[in-house]
Amino acid sequence: MSINVKNGTPLHGSSLCGSCTHAHIQKGYRVSEEAVFCRMNYPMHAVPFPVRECTDYVDKNRQDLNAMERIALIVNSVAGKRVAGFVSGNGSRSEHEIEIELESL
């Protein structure tokens, strides 16, 4: 008889500190040579185990609002003289042709 537990505690996985803004990670040449420090509080403290959840986690791959405002491209919209949409054709065209005018930038 086997017992399956859904959403149980994972036995292994990568540490959350690897993608955290507050992490200071030192890696050596061997896999066992790695030191992780958390800079969230002063003084920074060593993290002796892989972290699964953290209340002060900030993803370093995701930018905050201030960073997005600094890199944002400001686009000024200029009112066009022409209106977008369908226009009625003149008498020289066949009844199956439709002319479409696009708003010029």
PDB file of N, CA and C in Angstrom:
ATOM      1  N   MET A   1       0.841  -1.170   0.000  1.00  0.00           N
ATOM      2  CA  MET A   1       0.000   0.000   0.000  1.00  0.00           C
ATOM      3  C   MET A   1       0.897   1.247   0.000  1.00  0.00           C
ATOM      4  N   SER A   2       0.631   2.175  -0.927  1.00  0.00           N
ATOM      5  CA  SER A   2       1.424   3.393  -0.993  1.00  0.00           C
ATOM      6  C   SER A   2       0.557   4.594  -0.612  1.00  0.00           C
ATOM      7  N   ILE A   3       1.199   5.555  -0.004  1.00  0.00           N
ATOM      8  CA  ILE A   3       0.505   6.765   0.430  1.00  0.00           C
ATOM      9  C   ILE A   3       1.078   7.940  -0.355  1.00  0.00           C
ATOM     10  N   ASN A   4       0.212   8.673  -1.010  1.00  0.00           N
ATOM     11  CA  ASN A   4       0.624   9.864  -1.757  1.00  0.00           C
ATOM     12  C   ASN A   4       0.147  11.112  -1.022  1.00  0.00           C
ATOM     13  N   VAL A   5       1.066  12.027  -0.791  1.00  0.00           N
ATOM     14  CA  VAL A   5       0.733  13.281  -0.121  1.00  0.00           C
ATOM     15  C   VAL A   5       0.857  14.399  -1.146  1.00  0.00           C
ATOM     16  N   LYS A   6      -0.237  15.094  -1.415  1.00  0.00           N
ATOM     17  CA  LYS A   6      -0.216  16.197  -2.359  1.00  0.00           C
ATOM     18  C   LYS A   6       0.256  17.461  -1.647  1.00  0.00           C
ATOM     19  N   ASN A   7       1.073  18.248  -2.352  1.00  0.00           N
ATOM     20  CA  ASN A   7       1.624  19.498  -1.824  1.00  0.00           C
ATOM     21  C   ASN A   7       2.402  19.288  -0.532  1.00  0.00           C
ATOM     22  N   GLY A   8       3.093  18.169  -0.434  1.00  0.00           N
ATOM     23  CA  GLY A   8       3.912  17.900   0.742  1.00  0.00           C
ATOM     24  C   GLY A   8       5.223  18.664   0.683  1.00  0.00           C
ATOM     25  N   THR A   9       6.042  18.496   1.669  1.00  0.00           N
ATOM     26  CA  THR A   9       7.330  19.174   1.733  1.00  0.00           C
ATOM     27  C   THR A   9       8.291  18.559   0.730  1.00  0.00           C
ATOM     28  N   PRO A  10       8.860  19.370  -0.187  1.00  0.00           N
ATOM     29  CA  PRO A  10       9.827  18.813  -1.134  1.00  0.00           C
ATOM     30  C   PRO A  10      11.122  18.442  -0.422  1.00  0.00           C
ATOM     31  N   LEU A  11      11.759  17.393  -0.896  1.00  0.00           N
ATOM     32  CA  LEU A  11      12.979  16.913  -0.264  1.00  0.00           C
ATOM     33  C   LEU A  11      14.226  17.620  -0.786  1.00  0.00           C
ATOM     34  N   HIS A  12      14.145  18.203  -1.964  1.00  0.00           N
ATOM     35  CA  HIS A  12      15.303  18.883  -2.548  1.00  0.00           C
ATOM     36  C   HIS A  12      14.813  19.960  -3.507  1.00  0.00           C
ATOM     37  N   GLY A  13      15.720  20.770  -3.950  1.00  0.00           N
ATOM     38  CA  GLY A  13      15.400  21.838  -4.896  1.00  0.00           C
ATOM     39  C   GLY A  13      16.431  22.947  -4.781  1.00  0.00           C
ATOM     40  N   SER A  14      16.357  23.869  -5.717  1.00  0.00           N
ATOM     41  CA  SER A  14      17.308  24.977  -5.680  1.00  0.00           C
ATOM     42  C   SER A  14      16.886  25.984  -4.618  1.00  0.00           C
ATOM     43  N   SER A  15      17.872  26.664  -4.074  1.00  0.00           N
ATOM     44  CA  SER A  15      17.611  27.623  -3.016  1.00  0.00           C
ATOM     45  C   SER A  15      17.019  28.897  -3.596  1.00  0.00           C
ATOM     46  N   LEU A  16      16.109  29.497  -2.870  1.00  0.00           N
ATOM     47  CA  LEU A  16      15.487  30.753  -3.267  1.00  0.00           C
ATOM     48  C   LEU A  16      16.499  31.890  -3.271  1.00  0.00           C
ATOM     49  N   CYS A  17      17.568  31.741  -2.516  1.00  0.00           N
ATOM     50  CA  CYS A  17      18.585  32.792  -2.407  1.00  0.00           C
ATOM     51  C   CYS A  17      19.307  33.044  -3.728  1.00  0.00           C
ATOM     52  N   GLY A  18      19.329  32.071  -4.618  1.00  0.00           N
ATOM     53  CA  GLY A  18      20.009  32.233  -5.899  1.00  0.00           C
ATOM     54  C   GLY A  18      19.419  33.323  -6.764  1.00  0.00           C
ATOM     55  N   SER A  19      18.151  33.653  -6.582  1.00  0.00           N
ATOM     56  CA  SER A  19      17.510  34.683  -7.381  1.00  0.00           C
ATOM     57  C   SER A  19      17.006  35.846  -6.537  1.00  0.00           C
ATOM     58  N   CYS A  20      17.556  36.014  -5.339  1.00  0.00           N
ATOM     59  CA  CYS A  20      17.116  37.077  -4.434  1.00  0.00           C
ATOM     60  C   CYS A  20      18.065  38.268  -4.496  1.00  0.00           C
ATOM     61  N   THR A  21      17.504  39.462  -4.427  1.00  0.00           N
ATOM     62  CA  THR A  21      18.292  40.689  -4.438  1.00  0.00           C
ATOM     63  C   THR A  21      19.156  40.815  -3.195  1.00  0.00           C
ATOM     64  N   HIS A  22      18.685  40.326  -2.072  1.00  0.00           N
ATOM     65  CA  HIS A  22      19.378  40.488  -0.794  1.00  0.00           C
ATOM     66  C   HIS A  22      20.474  39.453  -0.564  1.00  0.00           C
ATOM     67  N   ALA A  23      20.634  38.491  -1.461  1.00  0.00           N
ATOM     68  CA  ALA A  23      21.605  37.411  -1.254  1.00  0.00           C
ATOM     69  C   ALA A  23      23.004  37.816  -1.688  1.00  0.00           C
ATOM     70  N   HIS A  24      23.971  37.418  -0.908  1.00  0.00           N
ATOM     71  CA  HIS A  24      25.391  37.542  -1.248  1.00  0.00           C
ATOM     72  C   HIS A  24      25.922  36.124  -1.295  1.00  0.00           C
ATOM     73  N   ILE A  25      26.275  35.644  -2.505  1.00  0.00           N
ATOM     74  CA  ILE A  25      26.659  34.246  -2.685  1.00  0.00           C
ATOM     75  C   ILE A  25      28.105  34.176  -3.148  1.00  0.00           C
ATOM     76  N   GLN A  26      28.880  33.382  -2.426  1.00  0.00           N
ATOM     77  CA  GLN A  26      30.273  33.136  -2.796  1.00  0.00           C
ATOM     78  C   GLN A  26      30.386  31.681  -3.199  1.00  0.00           C
ATOM     79  N   LYS A  27      30.934  31.434  -4.416  1.00  0.00           N
ATOM     80  CA  LYS A  27      31.074  30.063  -4.904  1.00  0.00           C
ATOM     81  C   LYS A  27      32.534  29.765  -5.173  1.00  0.00           C
ATOM     82  N   GLY A  28      32.939  28.574  -4.786  1.00  0.00           N
ATOM     83  CA  GLY A  28      34.294  28.111  -5.050  1.00  0.00           C
ATOM     84  C   GLY A  28      34.319  27.250  -6.296  1.00  0.00           C
ATOM     85  N   TYR A  29      35.402  26.513  -6.472  1.00  0.00           N
ATOM     86  CA  TYR A  29      35.544  25.670  -7.646  1.00  0.00           C
ATOM     87  C   TYR A  29      34.830  24.335  -7.494  1.00  0.00           C
ATOM     88  N   ARG A  30      34.603  23.906  -6.295  1.00  0.00           N
ATOM     89  CA  ARG A  30      33.878  22.655  -6.055  1.00  0.00           C
ATOM     90  C   ARG A  30      32.421  22.960  -5.750  1.00  0.00           C
ATOM     91  N   VAL A  31      31.578  21.980  -5.935  1.00  0.00           N
ATOM     92  CA  VAL A  31      30.151  22.150  -5.660  1.00  0.00           C
ATOM     93  C   VAL A  31      29.919  22.419  -4.179  1.00  0.00           C
ATOM     94  N   SER A  32      30.739  21.808  -3.336  1.00  0.00           N
ATOM     95  CA  SER A  32      30.574  21.977  -1.891  1.00  0.00           C
ATOM     96  C   SER A  32      31.079  23.327  -1.391  1.00  0.00           C
ATOM     97  N   GLU A  33      31.800  24.066  -2.240  1.00  0.00           N
ATOM     98  CA  GLU A  33      32.340  25.359  -1.827  1.00  0.00           C
ATOM     99  C   GLU A  33      31.374  26.481  -2.212  1.00  0.00           C
ATOM    100  N   GLU A  34      30.447  26.721  -1.318  1.00  0.00           N
ATOM    101  CA  GLU A  34      29.470  27.793  -1.539  1.00  0.00           C
ATOM    102  C   GLU A  34      29.072  28.376  -0.185  1.00  0.00           C
ATOM    103  N   ALA A  35      29.115  29.677  -0.095  1.00  0.00           N
ATOM    104  CA  ALA A  35      28.691  30.364   1.123  1.00  0.00           C
ATOM    105  C   ALA A  35      27.608  31.375   0.741  1.00  0.00           C
ATOM    106  N   VAL A  36      26.486  31.326   1.449  1.00  0.00           N
ATOM    107  CA  VAL A  36      25.371  32.215   1.167  1.00  0.00           C
ATOM    108  C   VAL A  36      25.144  33.108   2.378  1.00  0.00           C
ATOM    109  N   PHE A  37      25.025  34.412   2.124  1.00  0.00           N
ATOM    110  CA  PHE A  37      24.759  35.381   3.183  1.00  0.00           C
ATOM    111  C   PHE A  37      23.538  36.209   2.795  1.00  0.00           C
ATOM    112  N   CYS A  38      22.750  36.549   3.798  1.00  0.00           N
ATOM    113  CA  CYS A  38      21.570  37.375   3.582  1.00  0.00           C
ATOM    114  C   CYS A  38      21.888  38.790   4.049  1.00  0.00           C
ATOM    115  N   ARG A  39      21.688  39.764   3.147  1.00  0.00           N
ATOM    116  CA  ARG A  39      21.972  41.162   3.458  1.00  0.00           C
ATOM    117  C   ARG A  39      20.709  41.940   3.833  1.00  0.00           C
ATOM    118  N   MET A  40      19.620  41.257   4.081  1.00  0.00           N
ATOM    119  CA  MET A  40      18.367  41.941   4.394  1.00  0.00           C
ATOM    120  C   MET A  40      18.475  42.740   5.686  1.00  0.00           C
ATOM    121  N   ASN A  41      19.065  42.176   6.683  1.00  0.00           N
ATOM    122  CA  ASN A  41      19.232  42.855   7.976  1.00  0.00           C
ATOM    123  C   ASN A  41      20.703  43.116   8.224  1.00  0.00           C
ATOM    124  N   TYR A  42      20.992  44.100   9.042  1.00  0.00           N
ATOM    125  CA  TYR A  42      22.374  44.379   9.406  1.00  0.00           C
ATOM    126  C   TYR A  42      22.659  43.796  10.774  1.00  0.00           C
ATOM    127  N   PRO A  43      23.715  43.114  11.004  1.00  0.00           N
ATOM    128  CA  PRO A  43      24.720  42.688  10.040  1.00  0.00           C
ATOM    129  C   PRO A  43      24.203  41.500   9.236  1.00  0.00           C
ATOM    130  N   MET A  44      24.767  41.324   8.039  1.00  0.00           N
ATOM    131  CA  MET A  44      24.311  40.196   7.220  1.00  0.00           C
ATOM    132  C   MET A  44      24.692  38.888   7.897  1.00  0.00           C
ATOM    133  N   HIS A  45      23.853  37.884   7.700  1.00  0.00           N
ATOM    134  CA  HIS A  45      24.066  36.617   8.389  1.00  0.00           C
ATOM    135  C   HIS A  45      24.155  35.473   7.384  1.00  0.00           C
ATOM    136  N   ALA A  46      24.857  34.432   7.789  1.00  0.00           N
ATOM    137  CA  ALA A  46      25.032  33.262   6.936  1.00  0.00           C
ATOM    138  C   ALA A  46      23.743  32.463   6.883  1.00  0.00           C
ATOM    139  N   VAL A  47      23.482  31.887   5.717  1.00  0.00           N
ATOM    140  CA  VAL A  47      22.324  31.010   5.523  1.00  0.00           C
ATOM    141  C   VAL A  47      22.875  29.598   5.360  1.00  0.00           C
ATOM    142  N   PRO A  48      22.714  28.740   6.372  1.00  0.00           N
ATOM    143  CA  PRO A  48      23.388  27.434   6.356  1.00  0.00           C
ATOM    144  C   PRO A  48      22.680  26.342   5.559  1.00  0.00           C
ATOM    145  N   PHE A  49      21.503  26.615   4.981  1.00  0.00           N
ATOM    146  CA  PHE A  49      20.744  25.580   4.284  1.00  0.00           C
ATOM    147  C   PHE A  49      20.033  26.202   3.082  1.00  0.00           C
ATOM    148  N   PRO A  50      19.624  25.385   2.107  1.00  0.00           N
ATOM    149  CA  PRO A  50      18.867  25.908   0.968  1.00  0.00           C
ATOM    150  C   PRO A  50      17.496  26.409   1.432  1.00  0.00           C
ATOM    151  N   VAL A  51      17.153  27.595   1.011  1.00  0.00           N
ATOM    152  CA  VAL A  51      15.911  28.235   1.464  1.00  0.00           C
ATOM    153  C   VAL A  51      14.787  27.936   0.472  1.00  0.00           C
ATOM    154  N   ARG A  52      13.647  27.488   1.007  1.00  0.00           N
ATOM    155  CA  ARG A  52      12.473  27.207   0.180  1.00  0.00           C
ATOM    156  C   ARG A  52      11.529  28.394   0.148  1.00  0.00           C
ATOM    157  N   GLU A  53      11.303  29.058   1.285  1.00  0.00           N
ATOM    158  CA  GLU A  53      10.442  30.230   1.391  1.00  0.00           C
ATOM    159  C   GLU A  53      11.136  31.281   2.229  1.00  0.00           C
ATOM    160  N   CYS A  54      10.888  32.546   1.892  1.00  0.00           N
ATOM    161  CA  CYS A  54      11.474  33.646   2.650  1.00  0.00           C
ATOM    162  C   CYS A  54      10.494  34.808   2.640  1.00  0.00           C
ATOM    163  N   THR A  55      10.276  35.417   3.793  1.00  0.00           N
ATOM    164  CA  THR A  55       9.320  36.524   3.879  1.00  0.00           C
ATOM    165  C   THR A  55       9.890  37.812   3.305  1.00  0.00           C
ATOM    166  N   ASP A  56      11.221  37.921   3.199  1.00  0.00           N
ATOM    167  CA  ASP A  56      11.844  39.127   2.674  1.00  0.00           C
ATOM    168  C   ASP A  56      12.407  38.935   1.268  1.00  0.00           C
ATOM    169  N   TYR A  57      11.927  37.937   0.551  1.00  0.00           N
ATOM    170  CA  TYR A  57      12.435  37.616  -0.783  1.00  0.00           C
ATOM    171  C   TYR A  57      12.059  38.709  -1.781  1.00  0.00           C
ATOM    172  N   VAL A  58      13.061  39.173  -2.550  1.00  0.00           N
ATOM    173  CA  VAL A  58      12.846  40.128  -3.638  1.00  0.00           C
ATOM    174  C   VAL A  58      13.550  39.562  -4.867  1.00  0.00           C
ATOM    175  N   ASP A  59      12.793  39.251  -5.901  1.00  0.00           N
ATOM    176  CA  ASP A  59      13.339  38.639  -7.107  1.00  0.00           C
ATOM    177  C   ASP A  59      14.225  39.639  -7.839  1.00  0.00           C
ATOM    178  N   LYS A  60      15.490  39.276  -8.064  1.00  0.00           N
ATOM    179  CA  LYS A  60      16.410  40.200  -8.723  1.00  0.00           C
ATOM    180  C   LYS A  60      16.180  40.249 -10.225  1.00  0.00           C
ATOM    181  N   ASN A  61      15.436  39.310 -10.772  1.00  0.00           N
ATOM    182  CA  ASN A  61      15.119  39.309 -12.196  1.00  0.00           C
ATOM    183  C   ASN A  61      13.883  40.145 -12.515  1.00  0.00           C
ATOM    184  N   ARG A  62      13.214  40.629 -11.492  1.00  0.00           N
ATOM    185  CA  ARG A  62      12.007  41.426 -11.674  1.00  0.00           C
ATOM    186  C   ARG A  62      12.282  42.837 -11.179  1.00  0.00           C
ATOM    187  N   GLN A  63      11.990  43.814 -12.029  1.00  0.00           N
ATOM    188  CA  GLN A  63      12.310  45.188 -11.671  1.00  0.00           C
ATOM    189  C   GLN A  63      11.160  45.824 -10.905  1.00  0.00           C
ATOM    190  N   ASP A  64      11.510  46.735 -10.016  1.00  0.00           N
ATOM    191  CA  ASP A  64      10.489  47.446  -9.259  1.00  0.00           C
ATOM    192  C   ASP A  64       9.969  48.628 -10.072  1.00  0.00           C
ATOM    193  N   LEU A  65       8.991  49.333  -9.545  1.00  0.00           N
ATOM    194  CA  LEU A  65       8.351  50.429 -10.259  1.00  0.00           C
ATOM    195  C   LEU A  65       9.324  51.550 -10.589  1.00  0.00           C
ATOM    196  N   ASN A  66      10.215  51.897  -9.668  1.00  0.00           N
ATOM    197  CA  ASN A  66      11.185  52.971  -9.929  1.00  0.00           C
ATOM    198  C   ASN A  66      12.134  52.609 -11.060  1.00  0.00           C
ATOM    199  N   ALA A  67      12.575  51.375 -11.121  1.00  0.00           N
ATOM    200  CA  ALA A  67      13.472  50.946 -12.196  1.00  0.00           C
ATOM    201  C   ALA A  67      12.752  50.953 -13.542  1.00  0.00           C
ATOM    202  N   MET A  68      11.495  50.548 -13.550  1.00  0.00           N
ATOM    203  CA  MET A  68      10.744  50.565 -14.805  1.00  0.00           C
ATOM    204  C   MET A  68      10.501  51.996 -15.286  1.00  0.00           C
ATOM    205  N   GLU A  69      10.274  52.936 -14.360  1.00  0.00           N
ATOM    206  CA  GLU A  69      10.091  54.329 -14.751  1.00  0.00           C
ATOM    207  C   GLU A  69      11.374  54.932 -15.311  1.00  0.00           C
ATOM    208  N   ARG A  70      12.529  54.515 -14.794  1.00  0.00           N
ATOM    209  CA  ARG A  70      13.805  55.036 -15.293  1.00  0.00           C
ATOM    210  C   ARG A  70      14.087  54.587 -16.725  1.00  0.00           C
ATOM    211  N   ILE A  71      13.701  53.358 -17.074  1.00  0.00           N
ATOM    212  CA  ILE A  71      14.010  52.838 -18.403  1.00  0.00           C
ATOM    213  C   ILE A  71      12.855  52.990 -19.386  1.00  0.00           C
ATOM    214  N   ALA A  72      11.749  53.570 -18.957  1.00  0.00           N
ATOM    215  CA  ALA A  72      10.576  53.681 -19.815  1.00  0.00           C
ATOM    216  C   ALA A  72      10.820  54.653 -20.967  1.00  0.00           C
ATOM    217  N   LEU A  73      10.279  54.322 -22.116  1.00  0.00           N
ATOM    218  CA  LEU A  73      10.333  55.178 -23.282  1.00  0.00           C
ATOM    219  C   LEU A  73       9.058  55.998 -23.305  1.00  0.00           C
ATOM    220  N   ILE A  74       9.201  57.306 -23.309  1.00  0.00           N
ATOM    221  CA  ILE A  74       8.043  58.183 -23.305  1.00  0.00           C
ATOM    222  C   ILE A  74       7.637  58.435 -24.751  1.00  0.00           C
ATOM    223  N   VAL A  75       6.415  58.083 -25.092  1.00  0.00           N
ATOM    224  CA  VAL A  75       5.902  58.234 -26.438  1.00  0.00           C
ATOM    225  C   VAL A  75       4.842  59.324 -26.427  1.00  0.00           C
ATOM    226  N   ASN A  76       5.089  60.366 -27.194  1.00  0.00           N
ATOM    227  CA  ASN A  76       4.106  61.436 -27.316  1.00  0.00           C
ATOM    228  C   ASN A  76       3.209  61.144 -28.513  1.00  0.00           C
ATOM    229  N   SER A  77       1.925  61.116 -28.282  1.00  0.00           N
ATOM    230  CA  SER A  77       1.000  60.867 -29.382  1.00  0.00           C
ATOM    231  C   SER A  77       0.667  62.189 -30.043  1.00  0.00           C
ATOM    232  N   VAL A  78       0.754  62.196 -31.363  1.00  0.00           N
ATOM    233  CA  VAL A  78       0.464  63.389 -32.135  1.00  0.00           C
ATOM    234  C   VAL A  78      -0.875  63.167 -32.824  1.00  0.00           C
ATOM    235  N   ALA A  79      -1.759  64.126 -32.683  1.00  0.00           N
ATOM    236  CA  ALA A  79      -3.071  63.996 -33.302  1.00  0.00           C
ATOM    237  C   ALA A  79      -2.913  64.041 -34.818  1.00  0.00           C
ATOM    238  N   GLY A  80      -3.428  63.023 -35.493  1.00  0.00           N
ATOM    239  CA  GLY A  80      -3.331  62.950 -36.943  1.00  0.00           C
ATOM    240  C   GLY A  80      -4.426  63.767 -37.611  1.00  0.00           C
ATOM    241  N   LYS A  81      -4.147  64.172 -38.833  1.00  0.00           N
ATOM    242  CA  LYS A  81      -5.139  64.928 -39.582  1.00  0.00           C
ATOM    243  C   LYS A  81      -6.169  64.013 -40.218  1.00  0.00           C
ATOM    244  N   ARG A  82      -5.758  62.778 -40.444  1.00  0.00           N
ATOM    245  CA  ARG A  82      -6.660  61.834 -41.088  1.00  0.00           C
ATOM    246  C   ARG A  82      -7.279  60.921 -40.053  1.00  0.00           C
ATOM    247  N   VAL A  83      -8.476  60.526 -40.286  1.00  0.00           N
ATOM    248  CA  VAL A  83      -9.198  59.656 -39.379  1.00  0.00           C
ATOM    249  C   VAL A  83      -9.101  58.225 -39.893  1.00  0.00           C
ATOM    250  N   ALA A  84      -8.855  57.286 -39.009  1.00  0.00           N
ATOM    251  CA  ALA A  84      -8.768  55.890 -39.395  1.00  0.00           C
ATOM    252  C   ALA A  84     -10.167  55.334 -39.619  1.00  0.00           C
ATOM    253  N   GLY A  85     -10.262  54.381 -40.532  1.00  0.00           N
ATOM    254  CA  GLY A  85     -11.548  53.731 -40.748  1.00  0.00           C
ATOM    255  C   GLY A  85     -11.884  53.616 -42.218  1.00  0.00           C
ATOM    256  N   PHE A  86     -13.119  53.253 -42.493  1.00  0.00           N
ATOM    257  CA  PHE A  86     -13.582  53.060 -43.854  1.00  0.00           C
ATOM    258  C   PHE A  86     -14.056  54.384 -44.432  1.00  0.00           C
ATOM    259  N   VAL A  87     -13.831  54.566 -45.728  1.00  0.00           N
ATOM    260  CA  VAL A  87     -14.351  55.736 -46.438  1.00  0.00           C
ATOM    261  C   VAL A  87     -15.170  55.246 -47.613  1.00  0.00           C
ATOM    262  N   SER A  88     -16.099  56.028 -47.999  1.00  0.00           N
ATOM    263  CA  SER A  88     -16.919  55.631 -49.146  1.00  0.00           C
ATOM    264  C   SER A  88     -16.136  55.859 -50.421  1.00  0.00           C
ATOM    265  N   GLY A  89     -16.237  54.904 -51.344  1.00  0.00           N
ATOM    266  CA  GLY A  89     -15.520  55.009 -52.602  1.00  0.00           C
ATOM    267  C   GLY A  89     -16.245  55.937 -53.569  1.00  0.00           C
ATOM    268  N   ASN A  90     -15.500  56.468 -54.540  1.00  0.00           N
ATOM    269  CA  ASN A  90     -16.142  57.312 -55.539  1.00  0.00           C
ATOM    270  C   ASN A  90     -16.748  56.434 -56.631  1.00  0.00           C
ATOM    271  N   GLY A  91     -17.412  57.015 -57.590  1.00  0.00           N
ATOM    272  CA  GLY A  91     -18.150  56.267 -58.609  1.00  0.00           C
ATOM    273  C   GLY A  91     -17.274  55.508 -59.568  1.00  0.00           C
ATOM    274  N   SER A  92     -15.951  55.792 -59.642  1.00  0.00           N
ATOM    275  CA  SER A  92     -15.098  55.140 -60.633  1.00  0.00           C
ATOM    276  C   SER A  92     -14.700  53.719 -60.239  1.00  0.00           C
ATOM    277  N   ARG A  93     -14.904  53.332 -59.033  1.00  0.00           N
ATOM    278  CA  ARG A  93     -14.509  51.991 -58.581  1.00  0.00           C
ATOM    279  C   ARG A  93     -15.705  51.060 -58.607  1.00  0.00           C
ATOM    280  N   SER A  94     -15.391  49.773 -58.618  1.00  0.00           N
ATOM    281  CA  SER A  94     -16.487  48.808 -58.586  1.00  0.00           C
ATOM    282  C   SER A  94     -17.075  48.754 -57.188  1.00  0.00           C
ATOM    283  N   GLU A  95     -18.246  48.183 -57.080  1.00  0.00           N
ATOM    284  CA  GLU A  95     -18.940  48.168 -55.788  1.00  0.00           C
ATOM    285  C   GLU A  95     -18.319  47.198 -54.789  1.00  0.00           C
ATOM    286  N   HIS A  96     -17.410  46.317 -55.237  1.00  0.00           N
ATOM    287  CA  HIS A  96     -16.797  45.334 -54.351  1.00  0.00           C
ATOM    288  C   HIS A  96     -15.470  45.819 -53.770  1.00  0.00           C
ATOM    289  N   GLU A  97     -14.952  46.935 -54.235  1.00  0.00           N
ATOM    290  CA  GLU A  97     -13.705  47.459 -53.715  1.00  0.00           C
ATOM    291  C   GLU A  97     -13.976  48.394 -52.554  1.00  0.00           C
ATOM    292  N   ILE A  98     -13.156  48.285 -51.535  1.00  0.00           N
ATOM    293  CA  ILE A  98     -13.286  49.150 -50.353  1.00  0.00           C
ATOM    294  C   ILE A  98     -11.938  49.793 -50.115  1.00  0.00           C
ATOM    295  N   GLU A  99     -11.910  51.080 -49.874  1.00  0.00           N
ATOM    296  CA  GLU A  99     -10.677  51.782 -49.585  1.00  0.00           C
ATOM    297  C   GLU A  99     -10.569  51.966 -48.099  1.00  0.00           C
ATOM    298  N   ILE A 100      -9.416  51.639 -47.553  1.00  0.00           N
ATOM    299  CA  ILE A 100      -9.164  51.793 -46.112  1.00  0.00           C
ATOM    300  C   ILE A 100      -8.051  52.805 -45.940  1.00  0.00           C
ATOM    301  N   GLU A 101      -8.306  53.826 -45.135  1.00  0.00           N
ATOM    302  CA  GLU A 101      -7.287  54.818 -44.832  1.00  0.00           C
ATOM    303  C   GLU A 101      -6.825  54.597 -43.406  1.00  0.00           C
ATOM    304  N   LEU A 102      -5.530  54.546 -43.216  1.00  0.00           N
ATOM    305  CA  LEU A 102      -4.972  54.390 -41.881  1.00  0.00           C
ATOM    306  C   LEU A 102      -4.504  55.735 -41.376  1.00  0.00           C
ATOM    307  N   GLU A 103      -4.585  55.909 -40.087  1.00  0.00           N
ATOM    308  CA  GLU A 103      -4.138  57.151 -39.479  1.00  0.00           C
ATOM    309  C   GLU A 103      -2.635  57.275 -39.657  1.00  0.00           C
ATOM    310  N   SER A 104      -2.192  58.412 -40.138  1.00  0.00           N
ATOM    311  CA  SER A 104      -0.756  58.621 -40.340  1.00  0.00           C
ATOM    312  C   SER A 104      -0.119  59.059 -39.031  1.00  0.00           C
ATOM    313  N   LEU A 105       1.113  58.640 -38.822  1.00  0.00           N
ATOM    314  CA  LEU A 105       1.807  58.970 -37.579  1.00  0.00           C
ATOM    315  C   LEU A 105       2.584  60.222 -37.704  1.00  0.00           C
TER     316      LEU A 105
END
